[in-house]
Structure formats: C-alpha cells, structure tokens
Amino acid sequence: MQIEQASYVVIQPELTAGETVLWAGQPDPSVRLHREDVFLIPFSLFWGGFSIFWELGVAGYWGSGSNAGKQ
C-alpha cells in the first residue's frame, strides 16, 4: 500500500496498538450526481416530509388536542 508520509503522520496518533491502515484514498472529486439521483433525491425529500407529517399527526400535533373530552 502506498500512503503519503505526511498523511500517515497525521493519522498515526489515532491508531491504537496493533492497528494498521488497510486502505487509503480519496473519492473521485469529479462525480457529483448520478443519473439515478434525478429520481432518488425528490423521492427521498417527499418521503422524508411525509414521514415527519405522519409522525406529527400520530403524536397529536394536529386535531383533537384542544377538543379532547368535549361532546
């Protein structure tokens, strides 16, 4: 494995006795988004928003909070 000496000096204090670095590298900086992200990003935003509103509704944030016990 090839690792720059400067990088190894920085990470060495974080290693405990017997630990070694097995892999070193960086992600590809040119890859920002993939073709699938056109569908996955909006879906994840929609699903996250839905789950927040669902949980708030289940927790009683809307609805019968002030009308509880009234007939």
PDB file of N, CA and C in Angstrom:
ATOM      1  N   MET A   1       0.839  -1.173   0.000  1.00  0.00           N
ATOM      2  CA  MET A   1       0.000   0.000   0.000  1.00  0.00           C
ATOM      3  C   MET A   1       0.884   1.237   0.000  1.00  0.00           C
ATOM      4  N   GLN A   2       0.555   2.167  -0.862  1.00  0.00           N
ATOM      5  CA  GLN A   2       1.282   3.424  -0.923  1.00  0.00           C
ATOM      6  C   GLN A   2       0.469   4.507  -0.215  1.00  0.00           C
ATOM      7  N   ILE A   3       1.051   5.122   0.792  1.00  0.00           N
ATOM      8  CA  ILE A   3       0.406   6.222   1.501  1.00  0.00           C
ATOM      9  C   ILE A   3       1.458   7.299   1.711  1.00  0.00           C
ATOM     10  N   GLU A   4       1.042   8.534   1.525  1.00  0.00           N
ATOM     11  CA  GLU A   4       1.974   9.643   1.708  1.00  0.00           C
ATOM     12  C   GLU A   4       2.413   9.701   3.162  1.00  0.00           C
ATOM     13  N   GLN A   5       3.659  10.007   3.375  1.00  0.00           N
ATOM     14  CA  GLN A   5       4.216  10.054   4.724  1.00  0.00           C
ATOM     15  C   GLN A   5       3.524  11.124   5.564  1.00  0.00           C
ATOM     16  N   ALA A   6       3.200  12.262   4.961  1.00  0.00           N
ATOM     17  CA  ALA A   6       2.534  13.337   5.703  1.00  0.00           C
ATOM     18  C   ALA A   6       1.156  12.894   6.185  1.00  0.00           C
ATOM     19  N   SER A   7       0.447  12.156   5.351  1.00  0.00           N
ATOM     20  CA  SER A   7      -0.867  11.655   5.734  1.00  0.00           C
ATOM     21  C   SER A   7      -0.752  10.613   6.842  1.00  0.00           C
ATOM     22  N   TYR A   8       0.235   9.772   6.748  1.00  0.00           N
ATOM     23  CA  TYR A   8       0.431   8.737   7.757  1.00  0.00           C
ATOM     24  C   TYR A   8       0.780   9.351   9.108  1.00  0.00           C
ATOM     25  N   VAL A   9       1.562  10.413   9.117  1.00  0.00           N
ATOM     26  CA  VAL A   9       1.943  11.080  10.365  1.00  0.00           C
ATOM     27  C   VAL A   9       0.710  11.685  11.031  1.00  0.00           C
ATOM     28  N   VAL A  10      -0.231  12.184  10.235  1.00  0.00           N
ATOM     29  CA  VAL A  10      -1.442  12.791  10.789  1.00  0.00           C
ATOM     30  C   VAL A  10      -2.339  11.739  11.418  1.00  0.00           C
ATOM     31  N   ILE A  11      -2.472  10.582  10.795  1.00  0.00           N
ATOM     32  CA  ILE A  11      -3.401   9.559  11.271  1.00  0.00           C
ATOM     33  C   ILE A  11      -2.787   8.662  12.349  1.00  0.00           C
ATOM     34  N   GLN A  12      -1.502   8.575  12.444  1.00  0.00           N
ATOM     35  CA  GLN A  12      -0.822   7.674  13.378  1.00  0.00           C
ATOM     36  C   GLN A  12      -1.261   7.861  14.829  1.00  0.00           C
ATOM     37  N   PRO A  13      -1.447   9.083  15.337  1.00  0.00           N
ATOM     38  CA  PRO A  13      -1.888   9.217  16.742  1.00  0.00           C
ATOM     39  C   PRO A  13      -3.286   8.652  17.003  1.00  0.00           C
ATOM     40  N   GLU A  14      -4.102   8.509  15.981  1.00  0.00           N
ATOM     41  CA  GLU A  14      -5.450   7.988  16.151  1.00  0.00           C
ATOM     42  C   GLU A  14      -5.486   6.461  16.237  1.00  0.00           C
ATOM     43  N   LEU A  15      -4.430   5.792  15.839  1.00  0.00           N
ATOM     44  CA  LEU A  15      -4.378   4.333  15.844  1.00  0.00           C
ATOM     45  C   LEU A  15      -3.968   3.825  17.219  1.00  0.00           C
ATOM     46  N   THR A  16      -4.600   2.735  17.637  1.00  0.00           N
ATOM     47  CA  THR A  16      -4.205   2.117  18.900  1.00  0.00           C
ATOM     48  C   THR A  16      -3.156   1.040  18.613  1.00  0.00           C
ATOM     49  N   ALA A  17      -2.623   0.455  19.651  1.00  0.00           N
ATOM     50  CA  ALA A  17      -1.579  -0.553  19.494  1.00  0.00           C
ATOM     51  C   ALA A  17      -2.097  -1.726  18.666  1.00  0.00           C
ATOM     52  N   GLY A  18      -1.386  -2.107  17.651  1.00  0.00           N
ATOM     53  CA  GLY A  18      -1.747  -3.236  16.816  1.00  0.00           C
ATOM     54  C   GLY A  18      -2.591  -2.870  15.602  1.00  0.00           C
ATOM     55  N   GLU A  19      -3.092  -1.644  15.524  1.00  0.00           N
ATOM     56  CA  GLU A  19      -3.898  -1.233  14.371  1.00  0.00           C
ATOM     57  C   GLU A  19      -2.987  -0.775  13.236  1.00  0.00           C
ATOM     58  N   THR A  20      -3.402  -1.072  12.028  1.00  0.00           N
ATOM     59  CA  THR A  20      -2.682  -0.613  10.851  1.00  0.00           C
ATOM     60  C   THR A  20      -3.678  -0.054   9.838  1.00  0.00           C
ATOM     61  N   VAL A  21      -3.192   0.749   8.943  1.00  0.00           N
ATOM     62  CA  VAL A  21      -4.018   1.315   7.884  1.00  0.00           C
ATOM     63  C   VAL A  21      -4.095   0.286   6.763  1.00  0.00           C
ATOM     64  N   LEU A  22      -5.330  -0.125   6.410  1.00  0.00           N
ATOM     65  CA  LEU A  22      -5.507  -1.107   5.352  1.00  0.00           C
ATOM     66  C   LEU A  22      -5.802  -0.465   4.002  1.00  0.00           C
ATOM     67  N   TRP A  23      -6.373   0.708   4.017  1.00  0.00           N
ATOM     68  CA  TRP A  23      -6.764   1.359   2.772  1.00  0.00           C
ATOM     69  C   TRP A  23      -6.627   2.859   2.937  1.00  0.00           C
ATOM     70  N   ALA A  24      -6.194   3.510   1.900  1.00  0.00           N
ATOM     71  CA  ALA A  24      -6.090   4.968   1.899  1.00  0.00           C
ATOM     72  C   ALA A  24      -6.484   5.456   0.520  1.00  0.00           C
ATOM     73  N   GLY A  25      -7.234   6.513   0.480  1.00  0.00           N
ATOM     74  CA  GLY A  25      -7.649   7.055  -0.802  1.00  0.00           C
ATOM     75  C   GLY A  25      -8.604   8.198  -0.628  1.00  0.00           C
ATOM     76  N   GLN A  26      -9.052   8.709  -1.759  1.00  0.00           N
ATOM     77  CA  GLN A  26      -9.999   9.812  -1.773  1.00  0.00           C
ATOM     78  C   GLN A  26     -11.082   9.496  -2.787  1.00  0.00           C
ATOM     79  N   PRO A  27     -12.290  10.012  -2.558  1.00  0.00           N
ATOM     80  CA  PRO A  27     -13.335   9.813  -3.544  1.00  0.00           C
ATOM     81  C   PRO A  27     -13.040  10.600  -4.814  1.00  0.00           C
ATOM     82  N   ASP A  28     -13.652  10.190  -5.895  1.00  0.00           N
ATOM     83  CA  ASP A  28     -13.483  10.874  -7.172  1.00  0.00           C
ATOM     84  C   ASP A  28     -14.137  12.254  -7.089  1.00  0.00           C
ATOM     85  N   PRO A  29     -13.364  13.324  -7.150  1.00  0.00           N
ATOM     86  CA  PRO A  29     -13.947  14.663  -7.000  1.00  0.00           C
ATOM     87  C   PRO A  29     -14.792  15.096  -8.186  1.00  0.00           C
ATOM     88  N   SER A  30     -14.700  14.430  -9.315  1.00  0.00           N
ATOM     89  CA  SER A  30     -15.461  14.846 -10.490  1.00  0.00           C
ATOM     90  C   SER A  30     -16.893  14.315 -10.486  1.00  0.00           C
ATOM     91  N   VAL A  31     -17.183  13.307  -9.655  1.00  0.00           N
ATOM     92  CA  VAL A  31     -18.528  12.737  -9.616  1.00  0.00           C
ATOM     93  C   VAL A  31     -19.349  13.512  -8.590  1.00  0.00           C
ATOM     94  N   ARG A  32     -20.376  14.196  -9.059  1.00  0.00           N
ATOM     95  CA  ARG A  32     -21.260  14.944  -8.168  1.00  0.00           C
ATOM     96  C   ARG A  32     -22.597  14.216  -8.014  1.00  0.00           C
ATOM     97  N   LEU A  33     -23.283  14.013  -9.104  1.00  0.00           N
ATOM     98  CA  LEU A  33     -24.564  13.331  -9.095  1.00  0.00           C
ATOM     99  C   LEU A  33     -24.575  12.268 -10.184  1.00  0.00           C
ATOM    100  N   HIS A  34     -25.375  11.262  -9.980  1.00  0.00           N
ATOM    101  CA  HIS A  34     -25.536  10.210 -10.965  1.00  0.00           C
ATOM    102  C   HIS A  34     -26.893  10.339 -11.625  1.00  0.00           C
ATOM    103  N   ARG A  35     -27.092   9.601 -12.679  1.00  0.00           N
ATOM    104  CA  ARG A  35     -28.346   9.644 -13.426  1.00  0.00           C
ATOM    105  C   ARG A  35     -29.535   9.235 -12.551  1.00  0.00           C
ATOM    106  N   GLU A  36     -29.333   8.281 -11.643  1.00  0.00           N
ATOM    107  CA  GLU A  36     -30.414   7.812 -10.780  1.00  0.00           C
ATOM    108  C   GLU A  36     -30.852   8.866  -9.775  1.00  0.00           C
ATOM    109  N   ASP A  37     -29.982   9.826  -9.478  1.00  0.00           N
ATOM    110  CA  ASP A  37     -30.289  10.839  -8.483  1.00  0.00           C
ATOM    111  C   ASP A  37     -31.435  11.745  -8.901  1.00  0.00           C
ATOM    112  N   VAL A  38     -31.737  11.802 -10.198  1.00  0.00           N
ATOM    113  CA  VAL A  38     -32.853  12.615 -10.681  1.00  0.00           C
ATOM    114  C   VAL A  38     -34.155  12.136 -10.045  1.00  0.00           C
ATOM    115  N   PHE A  39     -34.281  10.841  -9.788  1.00  0.00           N
ATOM    116  CA  PHE A  39     -35.478  10.292  -9.172  1.00  0.00           C
ATOM    117  C   PHE A  39     -35.323  10.101  -7.667  1.00  0.00           C
ATOM    118  N   LEU A  40     -34.136   9.743  -7.224  1.00  0.00           N
ATOM    119  CA  LEU A  40     -33.946   9.422  -5.814  1.00  0.00           C
ATOM    120  C   LEU A  40     -33.995  10.646  -4.907  1.00  0.00           C
ATOM    121  N   ILE A  41     -33.462  11.764  -5.337  1.00  0.00           N
ATOM    122  CA  ILE A  41     -33.457  12.959  -4.493  1.00  0.00           C
ATOM    123  C   ILE A  41     -34.874  13.471  -4.250  1.00  0.00           C
ATOM    124  N   PRO A  42     -35.698  13.686  -5.286  1.00  0.00           N
ATOM    125  CA  PRO A  42     -37.073  14.133  -4.999  1.00  0.00           C
ATOM    126  C   PRO A  42     -37.881  13.107  -4.192  1.00  0.00           C
ATOM    127  N   PHE A  43     -37.683  11.815  -4.480  1.00  0.00           N
ATOM    128  CA  PHE A  43     -38.402  10.788  -3.728  1.00  0.00           C
ATOM    129  C   PHE A  43     -38.012  10.824  -2.259  1.00  0.00           C
ATOM    130  N   SER A  44     -36.734  10.974  -1.966  1.00  0.00           N
ATOM    131  CA  SER A  44     -36.304  10.989  -0.568  1.00  0.00           C
ATOM    132  C   SER A  44     -36.823  12.232   0.155  1.00  0.00           C
ATOM    133  N   LEU A  45     -36.880  13.371  -0.541  1.00  0.00           N
ATOM    134  CA  LEU A  45     -37.444  14.573   0.075  1.00  0.00           C
ATOM    135  C   LEU A  45     -38.936  14.399   0.338  1.00  0.00           C
ATOM    136  N   PHE A  46     -39.658  13.847  -0.620  1.00  0.00           N
ATOM    137  CA  PHE A  46     -41.087  13.604  -0.441  1.00  0.00           C
ATOM    138  C   PHE A  46     -41.327  12.623   0.700  1.00  0.00           C
ATOM    139  N   TRP A  47     -40.593  11.525   0.713  1.00  0.00           N
ATOM    140  CA  TRP A  47     -40.778  10.507   1.742  1.00  0.00           C
ATOM    141  C   TRP A  47     -40.412  11.047   3.125  1.00  0.00           C
ATOM    142  N   GLY A  48     -39.344  11.812   3.208  1.00  0.00           N
ATOM    143  CA  GLY A  48     -38.964  12.398   4.496  1.00  0.00           C
ATOM    144  C   GLY A  48     -40.017  13.363   5.008  1.00  0.00           C
ATOM    145  N   GLY A  49     -40.546  14.215   4.117  1.00  0.00           N
ATOM    146  CA  GLY A  49     -41.589  15.145   4.512  1.00  0.00           C
ATOM    147  C   GLY A  49     -42.852  14.420   4.940  1.00  0.00           C
ATOM    148  N   PHE A  50     -43.229  13.403   4.191  1.00  0.00           N
ATOM    149  CA  PHE A  50     -44.411  12.609   4.542  1.00  0.00           C
ATOM    150  C   PHE A  50     -44.244  11.978   5.913  1.00  0.00           C
ATOM    151  N   SER A  51     -43.081  11.412   6.191  1.00  0.00           N
ATOM    152  CA  SER A  51     -42.880  10.732   7.471  1.00  0.00           C
ATOM    153  C   SER A  51     -42.919  11.719   8.633  1.00  0.00           C
ATOM    154  N   ILE A  52     -42.410  12.932   8.430  1.00  0.00           N
ATOM    155  CA  ILE A  52     -42.459  13.943   9.500  1.00  0.00           C
ATOM    156  C   ILE A  52     -43.911  14.316   9.795  1.00  0.00           C
ATOM    157  N   PHE A  53     -44.692  14.607   8.748  1.00  0.00           N
ATOM    158  CA  PHE A  53     -46.090  14.957   8.960  1.00  0.00           C
ATOM    159  C   PHE A  53     -46.884  13.789   9.537  1.00  0.00           C
ATOM    160  N   TRP A  54     -46.570  12.588   9.132  1.00  0.00           N
ATOM    161  CA  TRP A  54     -47.253  11.417   9.666  1.00  0.00           C
ATOM    162  C   TRP A  54     -46.996  11.303  11.172  1.00  0.00           C
ATOM    163  N   GLU A  55     -45.747  11.416  11.555  1.00  0.00           N
ATOM    164  CA  GLU A  55     -45.405  11.288  12.974  1.00  0.00           C
ATOM    165  C   GLU A  55     -46.007  12.415  13.802  1.00  0.00           C
ATOM    166  N   LEU A  56     -46.026  13.629  13.258  1.00  0.00           N
ATOM    167  CA  LEU A  56     -46.652  14.731  13.985  1.00  0.00           C
ATOM    168  C   LEU A  56     -48.156  14.498  14.139  1.00  0.00           C
ATOM    169  N   GLY A  57     -48.785  13.938  13.124  1.00  0.00           N
ATOM    170  CA  GLY A  57     -50.204  13.622  13.220  1.00  0.00           C
ATOM    171  C   GLY A  57     -50.478  12.537  14.237  1.00  0.00           C
ATOM    172  N   VAL A  58     -49.647  11.514  14.252  1.00  0.00           N
ATOM    173  CA  VAL A  58     -49.810  10.425  15.216  1.00  0.00           C
ATOM    174  C   VAL A  58     -49.571  10.926  16.634  1.00  0.00           C
ATOM    175  N   ALA A  59     -48.637  11.850  16.790  1.00  0.00           N
ATOM    176  CA  ALA A  59     -48.330  12.391  18.109  1.00  0.00           C
ATOM    177  C   ALA A  59     -49.399  13.362  18.600  1.00  0.00           C
ATOM    178  N   GLY A  60     -50.352  13.705  17.737  1.00  0.00           N
ATOM    179  CA  GLY A  60     -51.442  14.579  18.150  1.00  0.00           C
ATOM    180  C   GLY A  60     -51.148  16.054  17.974  1.00  0.00           C
ATOM    181  N   TYR A  61     -50.205  16.370  17.122  1.00  0.00           N
ATOM    182  CA  TYR A  61     -49.873  17.777  16.891  1.00  0.00           C
ATOM    183  C   TYR A  61     -51.052  18.512  16.271  1.00  0.00           C
ATOM    184  N   TRP A  62     -51.802  17.842  15.397  1.00  0.00           N
ATOM    185  CA  TRP A  62     -52.994  18.414  14.783  1.00  0.00           C
ATOM    186  C   TRP A  62     -54.211  17.668  15.307  1.00  0.00           C
ATOM    187  N   GLY A  63     -55.303  18.347  15.300  1.00  0.00           N
ATOM    188  CA  GLY A  63     -56.541  17.629  15.555  1.00  0.00           C
ATOM    189  C   GLY A  63     -57.095  17.839  16.937  1.00  0.00           C
ATOM    190  N   SER A  64     -57.372  16.756  17.620  1.00  0.00           N
ATOM    191  CA  SER A  64     -58.198  16.770  18.818  1.00  0.00           C
ATOM    192  C   SER A  64     -57.477  17.194  20.094  1.00  0.00           C
ATOM    193  N   GLY A  65     -56.390  17.898  20.019  1.00  0.00           N
ATOM    194  CA  GLY A  65     -55.664  18.293  21.225  1.00  0.00           C
ATOM    195  C   GLY A  65     -56.487  19.195  22.135  1.00  0.00           C
ATOM    196  N   SER A  66     -57.129  20.249  21.611  1.00  0.00           N
ATOM    197  CA  SER A  66     -57.893  21.175  22.455  1.00  0.00           C
ATOM    198  C   SER A  66     -59.342  20.729  22.594  1.00  0.00           C
ATOM    199  N   ASN A  67     -59.790  19.802  21.769  1.00  0.00           N
ATOM    200  CA  ASN A  67     -61.178  19.345  21.818  1.00  0.00           C
ATOM    201  C   ASN A  67     -61.329  18.029  22.562  1.00  0.00           C
ATOM    202  N   ALA A  68     -60.293  17.572  23.205  1.00  0.00           N
ATOM    203  CA  ALA A  68     -60.348  16.274  23.879  1.00  0.00           C
ATOM    204  C   ALA A  68     -61.352  16.333  25.025  1.00  0.00           C
ATOM    205  N   GLY A  69     -62.243  15.375  25.091  1.00  0.00           N
ATOM    206  CA  GLY A  69     -63.229  15.285  26.170  1.00  0.00           C
ATOM    207  C   GLY A  69     -64.501  16.057  25.916  1.00  0.00           C
ATOM    208  N   LYS A  70     -64.578  16.857  24.874  1.00  0.00           N
ATOM    209  CA  LYS A  70     -65.784  17.617  24.567  1.00  0.00           C
ATOM    210  C   LYS A  70     -66.736  16.756  23.751  1.00  0.00           C
ATOM    211  N   GLN A  71     -68.030  16.951  23.967  1.00  0.00           N
ATOM    212  CA  GLN A  71     -69.017  16.192  23.200  1.00  0.00           C
ATOM    213  C   GLN A  71     -69.940  17.098  22.457  1.00  0.00           C
TER     214      GLN A  71
END
